[in-house]
């Protein structure tokens, strides 16, 4: 087992690595859209209390997937090797269709299995988080 940490992805928000390789699989921790090296969250507007007042699920989804791409590449893998995706959305009814369009741009041809659930909130003021497993023979 080995830990994977990437300078090209935002730092984890807790005491855990970006990913862990176990045999021929890479398990990527839940990843959101924060931009690496900053606290900026694409597609999020906050009020003075730090509460989300508006969000753009398209921008957040693209940024989240690009962060995952960076972690997988650091691990010697790629999006094309993803076999399973867990999706967490904070506004299923409003965001699912747009999320699905963006997701399809990246993953339709790859065809990983997927689970999508609605959650009340996520650890930072984001509206989407993905957790992926990739097959990556050593």
Protein backbone atom coordinates (compact mmCIF):
# COMPACT_ATOMS: atom_id res chain seq x y z
CA UNK A 1 0.00 0.00 0.00
CA UNK A 2 1.23 3.46 -0.77
CA UNK A 3 -0.11 6.97 -0.25
CA UNK A 4 -0.50 9.36 -3.15
CA UNK A 5 -0.28 13.10 -2.65
CA UNK A 6 -0.30 15.62 -5.48
CA UNK A 7 0.80 19.25 -5.58
CA UNK A 8 -1.47 19.60 -8.63
CA UNK A 9 -4.64 18.97 -6.59
CA UNK A 10 -6.07 20.95 -3.68
CA UNK A 11 -4.89 19.71 -0.29
CA UNK A 12 -7.22 17.31 1.53
CA UNK A 13 -9.44 18.97 4.16
CA UNK A 14 -8.50 16.36 6.76
CA UNK A 15 -5.78 13.94 7.82
CA UNK A 16 -5.86 11.66 4.77
CA UNK A 17 -4.01 11.35 1.43
CA UNK A 18 -5.41 12.23 -1.97
CA UNK A 19 -5.38 8.55 -2.81
CA UNK A 20 -3.96 5.18 -1.87
CA UNK A 21 -2.67 2.47 -4.15
CA UNK A 22 -3.54 -1.08 -3.08
CA UNK A 23 -2.29 -3.66 -5.54
CA UNK A 24 -3.63 -2.81 -8.98
CA UNK A 25 -6.20 -0.31 -7.71
CA UNK A 26 -6.08 3.38 -6.83
CA UNK A 27 -8.67 4.60 -4.33
CA UNK A 28 -9.10 8.36 -4.62
CA UNK A 29 -10.44 10.18 -1.56
CA UNK A 30 -13.54 12.33 -1.97
CA UNK A 31 -12.57 15.27 -4.18
CA UNK A 32 -14.25 18.60 -4.75
CA UNK A 33 -13.71 21.54 -7.08
CA UNK A 34 -11.27 23.74 -5.09
CA UNK A 35 -8.44 25.10 -7.22
CA UNK A 36 -4.98 23.79 -6.24
CA UNK A 37 -2.90 26.23 -4.23
CA UNK A 38 -5.85 28.50 -3.40
CA UNK A 39 -9.07 28.53 -1.42
CA UNK A 40 -11.00 29.46 -4.59
CA UNK A 41 -13.98 27.28 -5.46
CA UNK A 42 -15.04 27.65 -9.10
CA UNK A 43 -18.74 28.26 -9.56
CA UNK A 44 -19.46 29.29 -5.96
CA UNK A 45 -20.56 32.67 -4.65
CA UNK A 46 -20.52 33.16 -0.88
CA UNK A 47 -22.14 35.80 1.30
CA UNK A 48 -20.37 37.58 4.16
CA UNK A 49 -21.18 34.63 6.47
CA UNK A 50 -19.47 32.18 4.12
CA UNK A 51 -22.77 30.64 3.00
CA UNK A 52 -23.33 29.65 -0.61
CA UNK A 53 -25.67 32.13 -2.32
CA UNK A 54 -25.25 30.80 -5.86
CA UNK A 55 -23.48 27.89 -7.45
CA UNK A 56 -22.69 26.65 -10.94
CA UNK A 57 -22.69 22.85 -10.99
CA UNK A 58 -21.13 22.75 -14.46
CA UNK A 59 -18.00 24.65 -13.37
CA UNK A 60 -17.80 22.70 -10.12
CA UNK A 61 -18.11 19.34 -11.86
CA UNK A 62 -15.44 20.15 -14.45
CA UNK A 63 -13.05 21.39 -11.77
CA UNK A 64 -13.68 18.33 -9.59
CA UNK A 65 -12.97 15.91 -12.43
CA UNK A 66 -9.81 17.82 -13.38
CA UNK A 67 -8.62 17.55 -9.75
CA UNK A 68 -9.21 13.80 -9.89
CA UNK A 69 -7.33 13.64 -13.19
CA UNK A 70 -4.32 15.32 -11.50
CA UNK A 71 -4.30 12.81 -8.63
CA UNK A 72 -4.64 9.82 -10.96
CA UNK A 73 -1.83 11.08 -13.19
CA UNK A 74 0.37 11.57 -10.11
CA UNK A 75 -0.33 7.91 -9.35
CA UNK A 76 0.63 6.86 -12.89
CA UNK A 77 -2.96 6.33 -14.00
CA UNK A 78 -5.68 8.27 -15.84
CA UNK A 79 -9.40 8.95 -16.02
CA UNK A 80 -9.63 6.21 -18.64
CA UNK A 81 -8.77 3.68 -15.92
CA UNK A 82 -11.66 4.68 -13.61
CA UNK A 83 -13.90 1.69 -12.85
CA UNK A 84 -16.23 3.10 -10.17
CA UNK A 85 -17.49 6.57 -9.20
CA UNK A 86 -19.43 7.68 -6.13
CA UNK A 87 -21.14 11.06 -6.58
CA UNK A 88 -22.39 13.32 -3.81
CA UNK A 89 -24.67 16.23 -4.82
CA UNK A 90 -26.22 18.79 -2.48
CA UNK A 91 -29.08 19.70 -4.87
CA UNK A 92 -30.09 16.57 -6.76
CA UNK A 93 -33.28 17.94 -8.30
CA UNK A 94 -31.73 21.17 -9.55
CA UNK A 95 -28.27 19.89 -10.50
CA UNK A 96 -28.53 16.28 -11.64
CA UNK A 97 -29.22 16.89 -15.33
CA UNK A 98 -26.40 19.42 -15.78
CA UNK A 99 -24.03 17.33 -13.67
CA UNK A 100 -24.86 14.29 -15.80
CA UNK A 101 -24.08 16.18 -19.03
CA UNK A 102 -20.61 17.17 -17.83
CA UNK A 103 -19.98 13.74 -16.32
CA UNK A 104 -20.88 12.19 -19.68
CA UNK A 105 -18.30 14.36 -21.49
CA UNK A 106 -15.59 12.75 -19.39
CA UNK A 107 -16.88 9.26 -18.61
CA UNK A 108 -19.52 8.12 -21.15
CA UNK A 109 -16.99 6.25 -23.32
CA UNK A 110 -15.14 4.87 -20.28
CA UNK A 111 -18.31 3.51 -18.67
CA UNK A 112 -17.42 3.17 -14.97
CA UNK A 113 -20.10 2.00 -12.56
CA UNK A 114 -21.64 4.85 -10.58
CA UNK A 115 -23.69 5.67 -7.52
CA UNK A 116 -25.20 9.15 -7.06
CA UNK A 117 -26.67 10.34 -3.78
CA UNK A 118 -27.94 13.63 -2.44
CA UNK A 119 -26.37 14.91 0.76
CA UNK A 120 -27.41 17.82 2.94
CA UNK A 121 -23.95 19.37 2.89
CA UNK A 122 -20.27 18.69 2.24
CA UNK A 123 -17.27 19.61 4.42
CA UNK A 124 -16.54 22.83 2.51
CA UNK A 125 -18.98 25.14 0.68
CA UNK A 126 -19.16 22.96 -2.43
CA UNK A 127 -22.06 21.27 -4.16
CA UNK A 128 -20.42 18.20 -5.69
CA UNK A 129 -17.86 15.67 -4.54
CA UNK A 130 -16.61 12.57 -6.34
CA UNK A 131 -14.85 9.50 -5.00
CA UNK A 132 -13.31 7.18 -7.58
CA UNK A 133 -11.58 3.83 -7.88
CA UNK A 134 -9.24 3.24 -10.81
CA UNK A 135 -7.67 0.03 -12.06
CA UNK A 136 -4.00 0.61 -12.67
CA UNK A 137 -1.82 -2.48 -13.06
CA UNK A 138 1.62 -2.03 -11.56
